[in-house]
Amino acid sequence: YFIGRLSSYLGVALQQPSCEDLIQLDSASRSF
């Protein structure tokens, strides 16, 4: 939840696309 808020904030504050994927780890649950 906090990553979601932080990602949205950085995207707006820096006028860049959302950083949501940037803050996601390359975990087993995202691979399998």
All heavy atoms as atom14 arrays in JSON, in Angstrom:
{
  "sequence": "YFIGRLSSYLGVALQQPSCEDLIQLDSASRSF",
  "atom14_mask": [
    [1, 1, 1, 1, 1, 1, 1, 1, 1, 1, 1, 1, 0, 0],
    [1, 1, 1, 1, 1, 1, 1, 1, 1, 1, 1, 0, 0, 0],
    [1, 1, 1, 1, 1, 1, 1, 1, 0, 0, 0, 0, 0, 0],
    [1, 1, 1, 1, 0, 0, 0, 0, 0, 0, 0, 0, 0, 0],
    [1, 1, 1, 1, 1, 1, 1, 1, 1, 1, 1, 0, 0, 0],
    [1, 1, 1, 1, 1, 1, 1, 1, 0, 0, 0, 0, 0, 0],
    [1, 1, 1, 1, 1, 1, 0, 0, 0, 0, 0, 0, 0, 0],
    [1, 1, 1, 1, 1, 1, 0, 0, 0, 0, 0, 0, 0, 0],
    [1, 1, 1, 1, 1, 1, 1, 1, 1, 1, 1, 1, 0, 0],
    [1, 1, 1, 1, 1, 1, 1, 1, 0, 0, 0, 0, 0, 0],
    [1, 1, 1, 1, 0, 0, 0, 0, 0, 0, 0, 0, 0, 0],
    [1, 1, 1, 1, 1, 1, 1, 0, 0, 0, 0, 0, 0, 0],
    [1, 1, 1, 1, 1, 0, 0, 0, 0, 0, 0, 0, 0, 0],
    [1, 1, 1, 1, 1, 1, 1, 1, 0, 0, 0, 0, 0, 0],
    [1, 1, 1, 1, 1, 1, 1, 1, 1, 0, 0, 0, 0, 0],
    [1, 1, 1, 1, 1, 1, 1, 1, 1, 0, 0, 0, 0, 0],
    [1, 1, 1, 1, 1, 1, 1, 0, 0, 0, 0, 0, 0, 0],
    [1, 1, 1, 1, 1, 1, 0, 0, 0, 0, 0, 0, 0, 0],
    [1, 1, 1, 1, 1, 1, 0, 0, 0, 0, 0, 0, 0, 0],
    [1, 1, 1, 1, 1, 1, 1, 1, 1, 0, 0, 0, 0, 0],
    [1, 1, 1, 1, 1, 1, 1, 1, 0, 0, 0, 0, 0, 0],
    [1, 1, 1, 1, 1, 1, 1, 1, 0, 0, 0, 0, 0, 0],
    [1, 1, 1, 1, 1, 1, 1, 1, 0, 0, 0, 0, 0, 0],
    [1, 1, 1, 1, 1, 1, 1, 1, 1, 0, 0, 0, 0, 0],
    [1, 1, 1, 1, 1, 1, 1, 1, 0, 0, 0, 0, 0, 0],
    [1, 1, 1, 1, 1, 1, 1, 1, 0, 0, 0, 0, 0, 0],
    [1, 1, 1, 1, 1, 1, 0, 0, 0, 0, 0, 0, 0, 0],
    [1, 1, 1, 1, 1, 0, 0, 0, 0, 0, 0, 0, 0, 0],
    [1, 1, 1, 1, 1, 1, 0, 0, 0, 0, 0, 0, 0, 0],
    [1, 1, 1, 1, 1, 1, 1, 1, 1, 1, 1, 0, 0, 0],
    [1, 1, 1, 1, 1, 1, 0, 0, 0, 0, 0, 0, 0, 0],
    [1, 1, 1, 1, 1, 1, 1, 1, 1, 1, 1, 0, 0, 0]
  ],
  "atom14_positions": [
    [[0.84, -1.2, 0.0], [0.0, 0.0, 0.0], [0.88, 1.25, 0.0], [0.64, 2.21, -0.74], [-0.89, -0.02, 1.24], [-1.93, 1.08, 1.32], [-3.24, 0.85, 0.93], [-1.61, 2.35, 1.8], [-4.21, 1.84, 1.01], [-2.56, 3.35, 1.89], [-3.86, 3.09, 1.5], [-4.8, 4.08, 1.59], [0.0, 0.0, 0.0], [0.0, 0.0, 0.0]],
    [[1.92, 1.22, 0.82], [2.8, 2.37, 0.92], [3.58, 2.58, -0.38], [3.77, 3.71, -0.84], [3.77, 2.2, 2.09], [4.59, 3.41, 2.37], [4.01, 4.55, 2.89], [5.95, 3.43, 2.11], [4.76, 5.69, 3.17], [6.71, 4.56, 2.38], [6.11, 5.69, 2.9], [0.0, 0.0, 0.0], [0.0, 0.0, 0.0], [0.0, 0.0, 0.0]],
    [[4.0, 1.48, -0.99], [4.69, 1.58, -2.29], [3.76, 2.2, -3.32], [4.19, 3.01, -4.16], [5.17, 0.19, -2.75], [6.38, -0.25, -1.9], [5.54, 0.19, -4.22], [6.78, -1.68, -2.13], [0.0, 0.0, 0.0], [0.0, 0.0, 0.0], [0.0, 0.0, 0.0], [0.0, 0.0, 0.0], [0.0, 0.0, 0.0], [0.0, 0.0, 0.0]],
    [[2.48, 1.84, -3.29], [1.53, 2.43, -4.22], [1.42, 3.93, -4.05], [1.42, 4.69, -5.03], [0.0, 0.0, 0.0], [0.0, 0.0, 0.0], [0.0, 0.0, 0.0], [0.0, 0.0, 0.0], [0.0, 0.0, 0.0], [0.0, 0.0, 0.0], [0.0, 0.0, 0.0], [0.0, 0.0, 0.0], [0.0, 0.0, 0.0], [0.0, 0.0, 0.0]],
    [[1.34, 4.4, -2.8], [1.26, 5.83, -2.53], [2.55, 6.53, -2.96], [2.52, 7.59, -3.58], [1.02, 6.08, -1.05], [-0.38, 5.67, -0.56], [-0.52, 5.93, 0.94], [-0.15, 7.3, 1.25], [0.62, 7.66, 2.28], [1.12, 6.74, 3.09], [0.89, 8.93, 2.5], [0.0, 0.0, 0.0], [0.0, 0.0, 0.0], [0.0, 0.0, 0.0]],
    [[3.68, 5.93, -2.59], [4.97, 6.53, -2.92], [5.17, 6.6, -4.43], [5.64, 7.62, -4.97], [6.1, 5.72, -2.27], [7.54, 6.13, -2.6], [7.81, 7.56, -2.15], [8.52, 5.17, -1.94], [0.0, 0.0, 0.0], [0.0, 0.0, 0.0], [0.0, 0.0, 0.0], [0.0, 0.0, 0.0], [0.0, 0.0, 0.0], [0.0, 0.0, 0.0]],
    [[4.8, 5.54, -5.13], [4.96, 5.49, -6.59], [4.13, 6.59, -7.26], [4.62, 7.29, -8.15], [4.53, 4.12, -7.12], [5.29, 3.08, -6.57], [0.0, 0.0, 0.0], [0.0, 0.0, 0.0], [0.0, 0.0, 0.0], [0.0, 0.0, 0.0], [0.0, 0.0, 0.0], [0.0, 0.0, 0.0], [0.0, 0.0, 0.0], [0.0, 0.0, 0.0]],
    [[2.88, 6.71, -6.84], [2.02, 7.73, -7.43], [2.55, 9.13, -7.15], [2.54, 10.0, -8.02], [0.6, 7.59, -6.87], [0.05, 6.33, -7.21], [0.0, 0.0, 0.0], [0.0, 0.0, 0.0], [0.0, 0.0, 0.0], [0.0, 0.0, 0.0], [0.0, 0.0, 0.0], [0.0, 0.0, 0.0], [0.0, 0.0, 0.0], [0.0, 0.0, 0.0]],
    [[3.02, 9.34, -5.94], [3.56, 10.66, -5.57], [4.79, 11.02, -6.4], [4.89, 12.13, -6.94], [3.91, 10.66, -4.08], [4.68, 11.88, -3.66], [4.12, 13.15, -3.78], [5.98, 11.78, -3.16], [4.82, 14.29, -3.39], [6.69, 12.9, -2.78], [6.11, 14.16, -2.9], [6.81, 15.27, -2.53], [0.0, 0.0, 0.0], [0.0, 0.0, 0.0]],
    [[5.73, 10.1, -6.51], [6.94, 10.4, -7.27], [6.62, 10.64, -8.73], [7.24, 11.5, -9.38], [7.93, 9.25, -7.13], [8.56, 9.06, -5.74], [9.48, 7.84, -5.73], [9.31, 10.3, -5.31], [0.0, 0.0, 0.0], [0.0, 0.0, 0.0], [0.0, 0.0, 0.0], [0.0, 0.0, 0.0], [0.0, 0.0, 0.0], [0.0, 0.0, 0.0]],
    [[5.66, 9.89, -9.25], [5.29, 10.08, -10.65], [4.77, 11.48, -10.91], [5.13, 12.12, -11.91], [0.0, 0.0, 0.0], [0.0, 0.0, 0.0], [0.0, 0.0, 0.0], [0.0, 0.0, 0.0], [0.0, 0.0, 0.0], [0.0, 0.0, 0.0], [0.0, 0.0, 0.0], [0.0, 0.0, 0.0], [0.0, 0.0, 0.0], [0.0, 0.0, 0.0]],
    [[3.94, 12.01, -9.99], [3.39, 13.35, -10.16], [4.43, 14.41, -9.82], [4.62, 15.38, -10.57], [2.13, 13.53, -9.28], [1.66, 14.97, -9.31], [1.02, 12.6, -9.76], [0.0, 0.0, 0.0], [0.0, 0.0, 0.0], [0.0, 0.0, 0.0], [0.0, 0.0, 0.0], [0.0, 0.0, 0.0], [0.0, 0.0, 0.0], [0.0, 0.0, 0.0]],
    [[5.11, 14.23, -8.7], [6.06, 15.25, -8.24], [7.2, 15.46, -9.23], [7.67, 16.58, -9.41], [6.62, 14.86, -6.88], [0.0, 0.0, 0.0], [0.0, 0.0, 0.0], [0.0, 0.0, 0.0], [0.0, 0.0, 0.0], [0.0, 0.0, 0.0], [0.0, 0.0, 0.0], [0.0, 0.0, 0.0], [0.0, 0.0, 0.0], [0.0, 0.0, 0.0]],
    [[7.64, 14.4, -9.88], [8.74, 14.5, -10.85], [8.25, 14.56, -12.28], [9.05, 14.52, -13.22], [9.69, 13.32, -10.67], [10.36, 13.22, -9.28], [11.21, 11.95, -9.19], [11.21, 14.46, -9.01], [0.0, 0.0, 0.0], [0.0, 0.0, 0.0], [0.0, 0.0, 0.0], [0.0, 0.0, 0.0], [0.0, 0.0, 0.0], [0.0, 0.0, 0.0]],
    [[6.91, 14.61, -12.43], [6.3, 14.69, -13.77], [6.8, 13.57, -14.67], [7.21, 13.76, -15.8], [6.58, 16.06, -14.4], [5.96, 17.21, -13.62], [6.21, 18.55, -14.27], [7.27, 18.8, -14.83], [5.21, 19.43, -14.2], [0.0, 0.0, 0.0], [0.0, 0.0, 0.0], [0.0, 0.0, 0.0], [0.0, 0.0, 0.0], [0.0, 0.0, 0.0]],
    [[6.76, 12.36, -14.11], [7.19, 11.16, -14.82], [6.09, 10.11, -14.71], [5.21, 10.23, -13.86], [8.49, 10.61, -14.23], [9.68, 11.55, -14.37], [10.91, 10.98, -13.7], [10.87, 9.93, -13.08], [12.03, 11.7, -13.82], [0.0, 0.0, 0.0], [0.0, 0.0, 0.0], [0.0, 0.0, 0.0], [0.0, 0.0, 0.0], [0.0, 0.0, 0.0]],
    [[6.14, 9.07, -15.54], [5.17, 7.98, -15.4], [5.26, 7.37, -14.0], [6.28, 7.5, -13.32], [5.59, 6.98, -16.47], [6.36, 7.78, -17.46], [7.05, 8.86, -16.68], [0.0, 0.0, 0.0], [0.0, 0.0, 0.0], [0.0, 0.0, 0.0], [0.0, 0.0, 0.0], [0.0, 0.0, 0.0], [0.0, 0.0, 0.0], [0.0, 0.0, 0.0]],
    [[4.21, 6.69, -13.59], [4.19, 6.07, -12.27], [5.39, 5.17, -12.08], [5.82, 4.47, -13.0], [2.9, 5.25, -12.09], [2.94, 4.51, -10.89], [0.0, 0.0, 0.0], [0.0, 0.0, 0.0], [0.0, 0.0, 0.0], [0.0, 0.0, 0.0], [0.0, 0.0, 0.0], [0.0, 0.0, 0.0], [0.0, 0.0, 0.0], [0.0, 0.0, 0.0]],
    [[5.92, 5.18, -10.86], [7.1, 4.38, -10.54], [6.73, 3.02, -9.95], [7.57, 2.34, -9.37], [7.98, 5.12, -9.53], [8.53, 6.73, -10.08], [0.0, 0.0, 0.0], [0.0, 0.0, 0.0], [0.0, 0.0, 0.0], [0.0, 0.0, 0.0], [0.0, 0.0, 0.0], [0.0, 0.0, 0.0], [0.0, 0.0, 0.0], [0.0, 0.0, 0.0]],
    [[5.46, 2.6, -10.07], [5.02, 1.38, -9.41], [5.88, 0.18, -9.78], [6.34, -0.56, -8.92], [3.55, 1.1, -9.75], [3.02, -0.19, -9.13], [1.56, -0.42, -9.45], [0.77, 0.54, -9.35], [1.22, -1.56, -9.8], [0.0, 0.0, 0.0], [0.0, 0.0, 0.0], [0.0, 0.0, 0.0], [0.0, 0.0, 0.0], [0.0, 0.0, 0.0]],
    [[6.11, -0.01, -11.08], [6.91, -1.16, -11.5], [8.36, -1.02, -11.07], [9.05, -2.02, -10.84], [6.83, -1.34, -13.02], [5.46, -1.84, -13.47], [4.78, -2.47, -12.64], [5.08, -1.61, -14.62], [0.0, 0.0, 0.0], [0.0, 0.0, 0.0], [0.0, 0.0, 0.0], [0.0, 0.0, 0.0], [0.0, 0.0, 0.0], [0.0, 0.0, 0.0]],
    [[8.83, 0.21, -10.96], [10.22, 0.44, -10.55], [10.48, -0.07, -9.15], [11.56, -0.55, -8.83], [10.54, 1.93, -10.62], [11.92, 2.38, -10.11], [13.02, 1.79, -10.98], [12.03, 3.89, -10.06], [0.0, 0.0, 0.0], [0.0, 0.0, 0.0], [0.0, 0.0, 0.0], [0.0, 0.0, 0.0], [0.0, 0.0, 0.0], [0.0, 0.0, 0.0]],
    [[9.46, 0.0, -8.27], [9.65, -0.37, -6.86], [9.21, -1.8, -6.59], [9.11, -2.23, -5.45], [8.91, 0.63, -5.95], [9.18, 2.07, -6.39], [9.35, 0.5, -4.5], [8.51, 3.12, -5.54], [0.0, 0.0, 0.0], [0.0, 0.0, 0.0], [0.0, 0.0, 0.0], [0.0, 0.0, 0.0], [0.0, 0.0, 0.0], [0.0, 0.0, 0.0]],
    [[8.97, -2.58, -7.61], [8.61, -3.98, -7.45], [9.85, -4.86, -7.6], [10.67, -4.67, -8.5], [7.55, -4.39, -8.47], [6.2, -3.75, -8.25], [5.57, -4.18, -6.94], [5.56, -5.36, -6.61], [5.05, -3.23, -6.2], [0.0, 0.0, 0.0], [0.0, 0.0, 0.0], [0.0, 0.0, 0.0], [0.0, 0.0, 0.0], [0.0, 0.0, 0.0]],
    [[9.98, -5.84, -6.72], [11.14, -6.72, -6.74], [10.94, -7.87, -7.73], [9.82, -8.27, -8.03], [11.39, -7.29, -5.35], [11.61, -6.27, -4.24], [11.85, -6.98, -2.91], [12.79, -5.36, -4.58], [0.0, 0.0, 0.0], [0.0, 0.0, 0.0], [0.0, 0.0, 0.0], [0.0, 0.0, 0.0], [0.0, 0.0, 0.0], [0.0, 0.0, 0.0]],
    [[12.04, -8.4, -8.18], [12.01, -9.57, -9.07], [11.9, -10.81, -8.21], [12.84, -11.58, -8.04], [13.29, -9.6, -9.91], [13.24, -10.68, -10.98], [12.14, -11.19, -11.25], [14.3, -11.01, -11.53], [0.0, 0.0, 0.0], [0.0, 0.0, 0.0], [0.0, 0.0, 0.0], [0.0, 0.0, 0.0], [0.0, 0.0, 0.0], [0.0, 0.0, 0.0]],
    [[10.71, -11.0, -7.64], [10.48, -12.1, -6.7], [9.94, -13.31, -7.43], [9.47, -13.23, -8.57], [9.48, -11.67, -5.63], [8.23, -11.37, -6.22], [0.0, 0.0, 0.0], [0.0, 0.0, 0.0], [0.0, 0.0, 0.0], [0.0, 0.0, 0.0], [0.0, 0.0, 0.0], [0.0, 0.0, 0.0], [0.0, 0.0, 0.0], [0.0, 0.0, 0.0]],
    [[9.96, -14.44, -6.74], [9.45, -15.68, -7.33], [7.96, -15.56, -7.65], [7.49, -16.09, -8.66], [9.7, -16.85, -6.38], [0.0, 0.0, 0.0], [0.0, 0.0, 0.0], [0.0, 0.0, 0.0], [0.0, 0.0, 0.0], [0.0, 0.0, 0.0], [0.0, 0.0, 0.0], [0.0, 0.0, 0.0], [0.0, 0.0, 0.0], [0.0, 0.0, 0.0]],
    [[7.21, -14.85, -6.81], [5.77, -14.74, -7.02], [5.42, -13.9, -8.25], [4.33, -14.01, -8.78], [5.1, -14.15, -5.78], [5.6, -12.85, -5.51], [0.0, 0.0, 0.0], [0.0, 0.0, 0.0], [0.0, 0.0, 0.0], [0.0, 0.0, 0.0], [0.0, 0.0, 0.0], [0.0, 0.0, 0.0], [0.0, 0.0, 0.0], [0.0, 0.0, 0.0]],
    [[6.34, -13.04, -8.68], [6.11, -12.27, -9.91], [6.64, -12.99, -11.13], [6.36, -12.58, -12.26], [6.77, -10.88, -9.79], [6.0, -9.94, -8.87], [6.72, -8.62, -8.69], [6.81, -7.84, -9.92], [5.86, -7.02, -10.37], [4.74, -6.9, -9.69], [6.03, -6.32, -11.47], [0.0, 0.0, 0.0], [0.0, 0.0, 0.0], [0.0, 0.0, 0.0]],
    [[7.41, -14.06, -10.92], [7.95, -14.82, -12.04], [7.17, -16.1, -12.29], [7.05, -16.55, -13.42], [9.42, -15.18, -11.76], [10.21, -14.03, -11.55], [0.0, 0.0, 0.0], [0.0, 0.0, 0.0], [0.0, 0.0, 0.0], [0.0, 0.0, 0.0], [0.0, 0.0, 0.0], [0.0, 0.0, 0.0], [0.0, 0.0, 0.0], [0.0, 0.0, 0.0]],
    [[6.65, -16.69, -11.21], [5.94, -17.97, -11.31], [4.54, -17.84, -10.74], [4.31, -17.08, -9.8], [6.7, -19.07, -10.55], [8.14, -19.17, -10.93], [9.13, -19.11, -9.96], [8.53, -19.34, -12.25], [10.47, -19.21, -10.29], [9.86, -19.44, -12.59], [10.84, -19.38, -11.61], [0.0, 0.0, 0.0], [0.0, 0.0, 0.0], [0.0, 0.0, 0.0]]
  ]
}
